[in-house]
Amino acid sequence: MRKFAEFLHNKVPGIRIPDDVRARMAGYEGDEARTQGMEIAKELVDTALQFFRGIYLITPFMRYEITAELTRYVRNRDSHS
């Protein structure tokens, strides 16, 4: 996840990952990086849903379990609202 954040920030035109987010990811590898990335993603979901009725998730590198986890998070969040 950390490497993916750096890739998006440095190589994909129009995408900027804030320095503080990349700094949060910098100290993690493997499962810890995935966990930290998921926490950041959930924070972004919470913020976005304060302003928009929905979100669009893109599955990174065919890792559907990440999208499934975020989808469950959104559904669970909505059921408690």
PDB file of N, CA and C in Angstrom:
ATOM      1  N   MET A   1       0.820  -1.189   0.000  1.00  0.00           N
ATOM      2  CA  MET A   1       0.000   0.000   0.000  1.00  0.00           C
ATOM      3  C   MET A   1       0.865   1.254   0.000  1.00  0.00           C
ATOM      4  N   ARG A   2       1.944   1.245   0.775  1.00  0.00           N
ATOM      5  CA  ARG A   2       2.826   2.414   0.820  1.00  0.00           C
ATOM      6  C   ARG A   2       3.399   2.681  -0.560  1.00  0.00           C
ATOM      7  N   LYS A   3       3.872   1.623  -1.216  1.00  0.00           N
ATOM      8  CA  LYS A   3       4.451   1.786  -2.550  1.00  0.00           C
ATOM      9  C   LYS A   3       3.394   2.248  -3.551  1.00  0.00           C
ATOM     10  N   PHE A   4       2.173   1.761  -3.379  1.00  0.00           N
ATOM     11  CA  PHE A   4       1.087   2.167  -4.263  1.00  0.00           C
ATOM     12  C   PHE A   4       0.785   3.650  -4.080  1.00  0.00           C
ATOM     13  N   ALA A   5       0.796   4.131  -2.841  1.00  0.00           N
ATOM     14  CA  ALA A   5       0.567   5.562  -2.579  1.00  0.00           C
ATOM     15  C   ALA A   5       1.651   6.401  -3.241  1.00  0.00           C
ATOM     16  N   GLU A   6       2.894   5.971  -3.147  1.00  0.00           N
ATOM     17  CA  GLU A   6       4.000   6.701  -3.780  1.00  0.00           C
ATOM     18  C   GLU A   6       3.865   6.669  -5.299  1.00  0.00           C
ATOM     19  N   PHE A   7       3.485   5.506  -5.831  1.00  0.00           N
ATOM     20  CA  PHE A   7       3.286   5.380  -7.274  1.00  0.00           C
ATOM     21  C   PHE A   7       2.205   6.352  -7.751  1.00  0.00           C
ATOM     22  N   LEU A   8       1.066   6.345  -7.082  1.00  0.00           N
ATOM     23  CA  LEU A   8      -0.016   7.249  -7.475  1.00  0.00           C
ATOM     24  C   LEU A   8       0.430   8.700  -7.412  1.00  0.00           C
ATOM     25  N   HIS A   9       1.113   9.062  -6.338  1.00  0.00           N
ATOM     26  CA  HIS A   9       1.539  10.447  -6.139  1.00  0.00           C
ATOM     27  C   HIS A   9       2.546  10.893  -7.203  1.00  0.00           C
ATOM     28  N   ASN A  10       3.502  10.031  -7.503  1.00  0.00           N
ATOM     29  CA  ASN A  10       4.616  10.417  -8.379  1.00  0.00           C
ATOM     30  C   ASN A  10       4.405  10.127  -9.860  1.00  0.00           C
ATOM     31  N   LYS A  11       3.558   9.165 -10.189  1.00  0.00           N
ATOM     32  CA  LYS A  11       3.486   8.710 -11.577  1.00  0.00           C
ATOM     33  C   LYS A  11       2.150   8.930 -12.276  1.00  0.00           C
ATOM     34  N   VAL A  12       1.086   9.178 -11.526  1.00  0.00           N
ATOM     35  CA  VAL A  12      -0.225   9.307 -12.157  1.00  0.00           C
ATOM     36  C   VAL A  12      -0.624  10.784 -12.192  1.00  0.00           C
ATOM     37  N   PRO A  13      -0.690  11.349 -13.392  1.00  0.00           N
ATOM     38  CA  PRO A  13      -1.048  12.765 -13.508  1.00  0.00           C
ATOM     39  C   PRO A  13      -2.407  13.053 -12.867  1.00  0.00           C
ATOM     40  N   GLY A  14      -2.462  14.129 -12.116  1.00  0.00           N
ATOM     41  CA  GLY A  14      -3.712  14.554 -11.507  1.00  0.00           C
ATOM     42  C   GLY A  14      -4.001  13.969 -10.142  1.00  0.00           C
ATOM     43  N   ILE A  15      -3.212  12.995  -9.712  1.00  0.00           N
ATOM     44  CA  ILE A  15      -3.412  12.424  -8.380  1.00  0.00           C
ATOM     45  C   ILE A  15      -2.307  12.919  -7.470  1.00  0.00           C
ATOM     46  N   ARG A  16      -2.721  13.485  -6.353  1.00  0.00           N
ATOM     47  CA  ARG A  16      -1.772  13.963  -5.353  1.00  0.00           C
ATOM     48  C   ARG A  16      -2.149  13.344  -4.019  1.00  0.00           C
ATOM     49  N   ILE A  17      -1.235  12.603  -3.435  1.00  0.00           N
ATOM     50  CA  ILE A  17      -1.434  12.035  -2.104  1.00  0.00           C
ATOM     51  C   ILE A  17      -0.762  12.998  -1.132  1.00  0.00           C
ATOM     52  N   PRO A  18      -1.506  13.584  -0.196  1.00  0.00           N
ATOM     53  CA  PRO A  18      -0.917  14.574   0.710  1.00  0.00           C
ATOM     54  C   PRO A  18       0.294  14.032   1.473  1.00  0.00           C
ATOM     55  N   ASP A  19       1.218  14.932   1.765  1.00  0.00           N
ATOM     56  CA  ASP A  19       2.438  14.551   2.478  1.00  0.00           C
ATOM     57  C   ASP A  19       2.136  13.839   3.786  1.00  0.00           C
ATOM     58  N   ASP A  20       1.132  14.313   4.532  1.00  0.00           N
ATOM     59  CA  ASP A  20       0.839  13.691   5.824  1.00  0.00           C
ATOM     60  C   ASP A  20       0.343  12.255   5.664  1.00  0.00           C
ATOM     61  N   VAL A  21      -0.386  11.976   4.601  1.00  0.00           N
ATOM     62  CA  VAL A  21      -0.849  10.611   4.351  1.00  0.00           C
ATOM     63  C   VAL A  21       0.330   9.723   3.969  1.00  0.00           C
ATOM     64  N   ARG A  22       1.189  10.210   3.088  1.00  0.00           N
ATOM     65  CA  ARG A  22       2.359   9.415   2.707  1.00  0.00           C
ATOM     66  C   ARG A  22       3.283   9.203   3.897  1.00  0.00           C
ATOM     67  N   ALA A  23       3.379  10.196   4.786  1.00  0.00           N
ATOM     68  CA  ALA A  23       4.202  10.046   5.993  1.00  0.00           C
ATOM     69  C   ALA A  23       3.615   8.977   6.912  1.00  0.00           C
ATOM     70  N   ARG A  24       2.290   8.916   7.015  1.00  0.00           N
ATOM     71  CA  ARG A  24       1.649   7.878   7.833  1.00  0.00           C
ATOM     72  C   ARG A  24       1.962   6.491   7.302  1.00  0.00           C
ATOM     73  N   MET A  25       2.064   6.369   6.001  1.00  0.00           N
ATOM     74  CA  MET A  25       2.325   5.073   5.377  1.00  0.00           C
ATOM     75  C   MET A  25       3.798   4.690   5.402  1.00  0.00           C
ATOM     76  N   ALA A  26       4.680   5.657   5.536  1.00  0.00           N
ATOM     77  CA  ALA A  26       6.117   5.441   5.340  1.00  0.00           C
ATOM     78  C   ALA A  26       6.726   4.399   6.263  1.00  0.00           C
ATOM     79  N   GLY A  27       6.266   4.301   7.477  1.00  0.00           N
ATOM     80  CA  GLY A  27       6.897   3.393   8.428  1.00  0.00           C
ATOM     81  C   GLY A  27       6.375   1.975   8.406  1.00  0.00           C
ATOM     82  N   TYR A  28       5.527   1.638   7.450  1.00  0.00           N
ATOM     83  CA  TYR A  28       4.870   0.333   7.460  1.00  0.00           C
ATOM     84  C   TYR A  28       5.200  -0.485   6.222  1.00  0.00           C
ATOM     85  N   GLU A  29       5.199  -1.794   6.406  1.00  0.00           N
ATOM     86  CA  GLU A  29       5.390  -2.746   5.307  1.00  0.00           C
ATOM     87  C   GLU A  29       4.362  -3.865   5.461  1.00  0.00           C
ATOM     88  N   GLY A  30       4.091  -4.564   4.389  1.00  0.00           N
ATOM     89  CA  GLY A  30       3.252  -5.761   4.435  1.00  0.00           C
ATOM     90  C   GLY A  30       1.880  -5.539   5.037  1.00  0.00           C
ATOM     91  N   ASP A  31       1.498  -6.439   5.944  1.00  0.00           N
ATOM     92  CA  ASP A  31       0.173  -6.377   6.559  1.00  0.00           C
ATOM     93  C   ASP A  31      -0.048  -5.095   7.346  1.00  0.00           C
ATOM     94  N   GLU A  32       1.011  -4.591   7.974  1.00  0.00           N
ATOM     95  CA  GLU A  32       0.879  -3.335   8.724  1.00  0.00           C
ATOM     96  C   GLU A  32       0.560  -2.174   7.780  1.00  0.00           C
ATOM     97  N   ALA A  33       1.188  -2.164   6.613  1.00  0.00           N
ATOM     98  CA  ALA A  33       0.912  -1.118   5.625  1.00  0.00           C
ATOM     99  C   ALA A  33      -0.527  -1.227   5.134  1.00  0.00           C
ATOM    100  N   ARG A  34      -0.990  -2.453   4.919  1.00  0.00           N
ATOM    101  CA  ARG A  34      -2.374  -2.661   4.474  1.00  0.00           C
ATOM    102  C   ARG A  34      -3.352  -2.166   5.536  1.00  0.00           C
ATOM    103  N   THR A  35      -3.088  -2.492   6.793  1.00  0.00           N
ATOM    104  CA  THR A  35      -3.956  -2.050   7.886  1.00  0.00           C
ATOM    105  C   THR A  35      -3.991  -0.529   7.977  1.00  0.00           C
ATOM    106  N   GLN A  36      -2.828   0.094   7.902  1.00  0.00           N
ATOM    107  CA  GLN A  36      -2.760   1.555   7.965  1.00  0.00           C
ATOM    108  C   GLN A  36      -3.478   2.176   6.766  1.00  0.00           C
ATOM    109  N   GLY A  37      -3.268   1.615   5.591  1.00  0.00           N
ATOM    110  CA  GLY A  37      -3.939   2.102   4.390  1.00  0.00           C
ATOM    111  C   GLY A  37      -5.450   1.982   4.495  1.00  0.00           C
ATOM    112  N   MET A  38      -5.915   0.881   5.076  1.00  0.00           N
ATOM    113  CA  MET A  38      -7.355   0.695   5.247  1.00  0.00           C
ATOM    114  C   MET A  38      -7.921   1.722   6.228  1.00  0.00           C
ATOM    115  N   GLU A  39      -7.192   2.025   7.284  1.00  0.00           N
ATOM    116  CA  GLU A  39      -7.642   3.052   8.236  1.00  0.00           C
ATOM    117  C   GLU A  39      -7.753   4.416   7.551  1.00  0.00           C
ATOM    118  N   ILE A  40      -6.770   4.737   6.734  1.00  0.00           N
ATOM    119  CA  ILE A  40      -6.807   6.000   5.991  1.00  0.00           C
ATOM    120  C   ILE A  40      -7.998   6.007   5.032  1.00  0.00           C
ATOM    121  N   ALA A  41      -8.219   4.894   4.338  1.00  0.00           N
ATOM    122  CA  ALA A  41      -9.345   4.800   3.403  1.00  0.00           C
ATOM    123  C   ALA A  41     -10.676   4.991   4.124  1.00  0.00           C
ATOM    124  N   LYS A  42     -10.820   4.402   5.304  1.00  0.00           N
ATOM    125  CA  LYS A  42     -12.062   4.548   6.074  1.00  0.00           C
ATOM    126  C   LYS A  42     -12.261   5.998   6.511  1.00  0.00           C
ATOM    127  N   GLU A  43     -11.185   6.664   6.884  1.00  0.00           N
ATOM    128  CA  GLU A  43     -11.279   8.088   7.237  1.00  0.00           C
ATOM    129  C   GLU A  43     -11.750   8.906   6.029  1.00  0.00           C
ATOM    130  N   LEU A  44     -11.211   8.581   4.854  1.00  0.00           N
ATOM    131  CA  LEU A  44     -11.629   9.286   3.633  1.00  0.00           C
ATOM    132  C   LEU A  44     -13.098   9.027   3.319  1.00  0.00           C
ATOM    133  N   VAL A  45     -13.535   7.779   3.490  1.00  0.00           N
ATOM    134  CA  VAL A  45     -14.941   7.437   3.278  1.00  0.00           C
ATOM    135  C   VAL A  45     -15.822   8.257   4.212  1.00  0.00           C
ATOM    136  N   ASP A  46     -15.463   8.290   5.493  1.00  0.00           N
ATOM    137  CA  ASP A  46     -16.254   9.049   6.468  1.00  0.00           C
ATOM    138  C   ASP A  46     -16.358  10.520   6.075  1.00  0.00           C
ATOM    139  N   THR A  47     -15.247  11.096   5.651  1.00  0.00           N
ATOM    140  CA  THR A  47     -15.247  12.505   5.251  1.00  0.00           C
ATOM    141  C   THR A  47     -16.081  12.712   3.988  1.00  0.00           C
ATOM    142  N   ALA A  48     -15.879  11.873   2.983  1.00  0.00           N
ATOM    143  CA  ALA A  48     -16.611  12.022   1.720  1.00  0.00           C
ATOM    144  C   ALA A  48     -18.115  11.912   1.926  1.00  0.00           C
ATOM    145  N   LEU A  49     -18.535  10.976   2.784  1.00  0.00           N
ATOM    146  CA  LEU A  49     -19.968  10.767   2.964  1.00  0.00           C
ATOM    147  C   LEU A  49     -20.639  11.865   3.791  1.00  0.00           C
ATOM    148  N   GLN A  50     -19.851  12.767   4.339  1.00  0.00           N
ATOM    149  CA  GLN A  50     -20.430  13.953   4.974  1.00  0.00           C
ATOM    150  C   GLN A  50     -20.925  14.939   3.911  1.00  0.00           C
ATOM    151  N   PHE A  51     -20.361  14.846   2.712  1.00  0.00           N
ATOM    152  CA  PHE A  51     -20.653  15.816   1.658  1.00  0.00           C
ATOM    153  C   PHE A  51     -21.355  15.228   0.440  1.00  0.00           C
ATOM    154  N   PHE A  52     -21.255  13.913   0.245  1.00  0.00           N
ATOM    155  CA  PHE A  52     -21.800  13.269  -0.944  1.00  0.00           C
ATOM    156  C   PHE A  52     -22.681  12.095  -0.554  1.00  0.00           C
ATOM    157  N   ARG A  53     -23.603  11.739  -1.435  1.00  0.00           N
ATOM    158  CA  ARG A  53     -24.529  10.636  -1.169  1.00  0.00           C
ATOM    159  C   ARG A  53     -23.912   9.268  -1.395  1.00  0.00           C
ATOM    160  N   GLY A  54     -22.799   9.216  -2.068  1.00  0.00           N
ATOM    161  CA  GLY A  54     -22.173   7.932  -2.347  1.00  0.00           C
ATOM    162  C   GLY A  54     -20.716   8.110  -2.707  1.00  0.00           C
ATOM    163  N   ILE A  55     -20.045   6.999  -2.887  1.00  0.00           N
ATOM    164  CA  ILE A  55     -18.638   7.012  -3.283  1.00  0.00           C
ATOM    165  C   ILE A  55     -18.432   5.975  -4.375  1.00  0.00           C
ATOM    166  N   TYR A  56     -17.320   6.082  -5.060  1.00  0.00           N
ATOM    167  CA  TYR A  56     -16.946   5.144  -6.115  1.00  0.00           C
ATOM    168  C   TYR A  56     -15.631   4.508  -5.706  1.00  0.00           C
ATOM    169  N   LEU A  57     -15.618   3.194  -5.602  1.00  0.00           N
ATOM    170  CA  LEU A  57     -14.405   2.481  -5.207  1.00  0.00           C
ATOM    171  C   LEU A  57     -13.770   1.825  -6.424  1.00  0.00           C
ATOM    172  N   ILE A  58     -12.461   1.928  -6.517  1.00  0.00           N
ATOM    173  CA  ILE A  58     -11.705   1.278  -7.583  1.00  0.00           C
ATOM    174  C   ILE A  58     -10.847   0.197  -6.941  1.00  0.00           C
ATOM    175  N   THR A  59     -10.957  -1.007  -7.445  1.00  0.00           N
ATOM    176  CA  THR A  59     -10.201  -2.129  -6.898  1.00  0.00           C
ATOM    177  C   THR A  59      -8.746  -2.034  -7.332  1.00  0.00           C
ATOM    178  N   PRO A  60      -7.818  -1.932  -6.368  1.00  0.00           N
ATOM    179  CA  PRO A  60      -6.403  -1.822  -6.729  1.00  0.00           C
ATOM    180  C   PRO A  60      -5.780  -3.186  -7.038  1.00  0.00           C
ATOM    181  N   PHE A  61      -5.132  -3.286  -8.182  1.00  0.00           N
ATOM    182  CA  PHE A  61      -4.360  -4.477  -8.547  1.00  0.00           C
ATOM    183  C   PHE A  61      -5.133  -5.783  -8.379  1.00  0.00           C
ATOM    184  N   MET A  62      -6.431  -5.770  -8.724  1.00  0.00           N
ATOM    185  CA  MET A  62      -7.266  -6.975  -8.649  1.00  0.00           C
ATOM    186  C   MET A  62      -7.383  -7.528  -7.225  1.00  0.00           C
ATOM    187  N   ARG A  63      -7.161  -6.700  -6.232  1.00  0.00           N
ATOM    188  CA  ARG A  63      -7.262  -7.143  -4.830  1.00  0.00           C
ATOM    189  C   ARG A  63      -8.672  -6.822  -4.330  1.00  0.00           C
ATOM    190  N   TYR A  64      -9.597  -7.680  -4.744  1.00  0.00           N
ATOM    191  CA  TYR A  64     -11.010  -7.453  -4.472  1.00  0.00           C
ATOM    192  C   TYR A  64     -11.342  -7.443  -2.987  1.00  0.00           C
ATOM    193  N   GLU A  65     -10.525  -8.117  -2.180  1.00  0.00           N
ATOM    194  CA  GLU A  65     -10.800  -8.153  -0.743  1.00  0.00           C
ATOM    195  C   GLU A  65     -10.733  -6.758  -0.118  1.00  0.00           C
ATOM    196  N   ILE A  66      -9.913  -5.881  -0.687  1.00  0.00           N
ATOM    197  CA  ILE A  66      -9.822  -4.508  -0.182  1.00  0.00           C
ATOM    198  C   ILE A  66     -11.127  -3.770  -0.455  1.00  0.00           C
ATOM    199  N   THR A  67     -11.621  -3.878  -1.684  1.00  0.00           N
ATOM    200  CA  THR A  67     -12.880  -3.232  -2.041  1.00  0.00           C
ATOM    201  C   THR A  67     -14.034  -3.834  -1.245  1.00  0.00           C
ATOM    202  N   ALA A  68     -14.018  -5.147  -1.061  1.00  0.00           N
ATOM    203  CA  ALA A  68     -15.079  -5.800  -0.286  1.00  0.00           C
ATOM    204  C   ALA A  68     -15.077  -5.307   1.158  1.00  0.00           C
ATOM    205  N   GLU A  69     -13.901  -5.168   1.757  1.00  0.00           N
ATOM    206  CA  GLU A  69     -13.819  -4.684   3.136  1.00  0.00           C
ATOM    207  C   GLU A  69     -14.353  -3.255   3.250  1.00  0.00           C
ATOM    208  N   LEU A  70     -13.984  -2.401   2.312  1.00  0.00           N
ATOM    209  CA  LEU A  70     -14.492  -1.025   2.344  1.00  0.00           C
ATOM    210  C   LEU A  70     -16.000  -0.976   2.096  1.00  0.00           C
ATOM    211  N   THR A  71     -16.498  -1.833   1.223  1.00  0.00           N
ATOM    212  CA  THR A  71     -17.937  -1.895   0.972  1.00  0.00           C
ATOM    213  C   THR A  71     -18.677  -2.310   2.235  1.00  0.00           C
ATOM    214  N   ARG A  72     -18.165  -3.321   2.934  1.00  0.00           N
ATOM    215  CA  ARG A  72     -18.778  -3.736   4.201  1.00  0.00           C
ATOM    216  C   ARG A  72     -18.747  -2.592   5.212  1.00  0.00           C
ATOM    217  N   TYR A  73     -17.635  -1.862   5.250  1.00  0.00           N
ATOM    218  CA  TYR A  73     -17.513  -0.729   6.169  1.00  0.00           C
ATOM    219  C   TYR A  73     -18.590   0.316   5.881  1.00  0.00           C
ATOM    220  N   VAL A  74     -18.779   0.650   4.608  1.00  0.00           N
ATOM    221  CA  VAL A  74     -19.778   1.653   4.233  1.00  0.00           C
ATOM    222  C   VAL A  74     -21.182   1.164   4.580  1.00  0.00           C
ATOM    223  N   ARG A  75     -21.487  -0.076   4.253  1.00  0.00           N
ATOM    224  CA  ARG A  75     -22.828  -0.607   4.544  1.00  0.00           C
ATOM    225  C   ARG A  75     -23.095  -0.645   6.045  1.00  0.00           C
ATOM    226  N   ASN A  76     -22.110  -1.075   6.819  1.00  0.00           N
ATOM    227  CA  ASN A  76     -22.256  -1.133   8.271  1.00  0.00           C
ATOM    228  C   ASN A  76     -22.419   0.274   8.838  1.00  0.00           C
ATOM    229  N   ARG A  77     -21.651   1.198   8.306  1.00  0.00           N
ATOM    230  CA  ARG A  77     -21.715   2.598   8.740  1.00  0.00           C
ATOM    231  C   ARG A  77     -23.100   3.167   8.464  1.00  0.00           C
ATOM    232  N   ASP A  78     -23.618   2.899   7.269  1.00  0.00           N
ATOM    233  CA  ASP A  78     -24.932   3.407   6.883  1.00  0.00           C
ATOM    234  C   ASP A  78     -26.054   2.780   7.710  1.00  0.00           C
ATOM    235  N   SER A  79     -25.905   1.519   8.090  1.00  0.00           N
ATOM    236  CA  SER A  79     -26.965   0.851   8.851  1.00  0.00           C
ATOM    237  C   SER A  79     -27.043   1.369  10.286  1.00  0.00           C
ATOM    238  N   HIS A  80     -25.987   2.040  10.746  1.00  0.00           N
ATOM    239  CA  HIS A  80     -25.977   2.601  12.096  1.00  0.00           C
ATOM    240  C   HIS A  80     -26.249   4.100  12.112  1.00  0.00           C
ATOM    241  N   SER A  81     -26.581   4.659  10.948  1.00  0.00           N
ATOM    242  CA  SER A  81     -26.847   6.113  10.865  1.00  0.00           C
ATOM    243  C   SER A  81     -28.296   6.421  11.147  1.00  0.00           C
TER     244      SER A  81
END
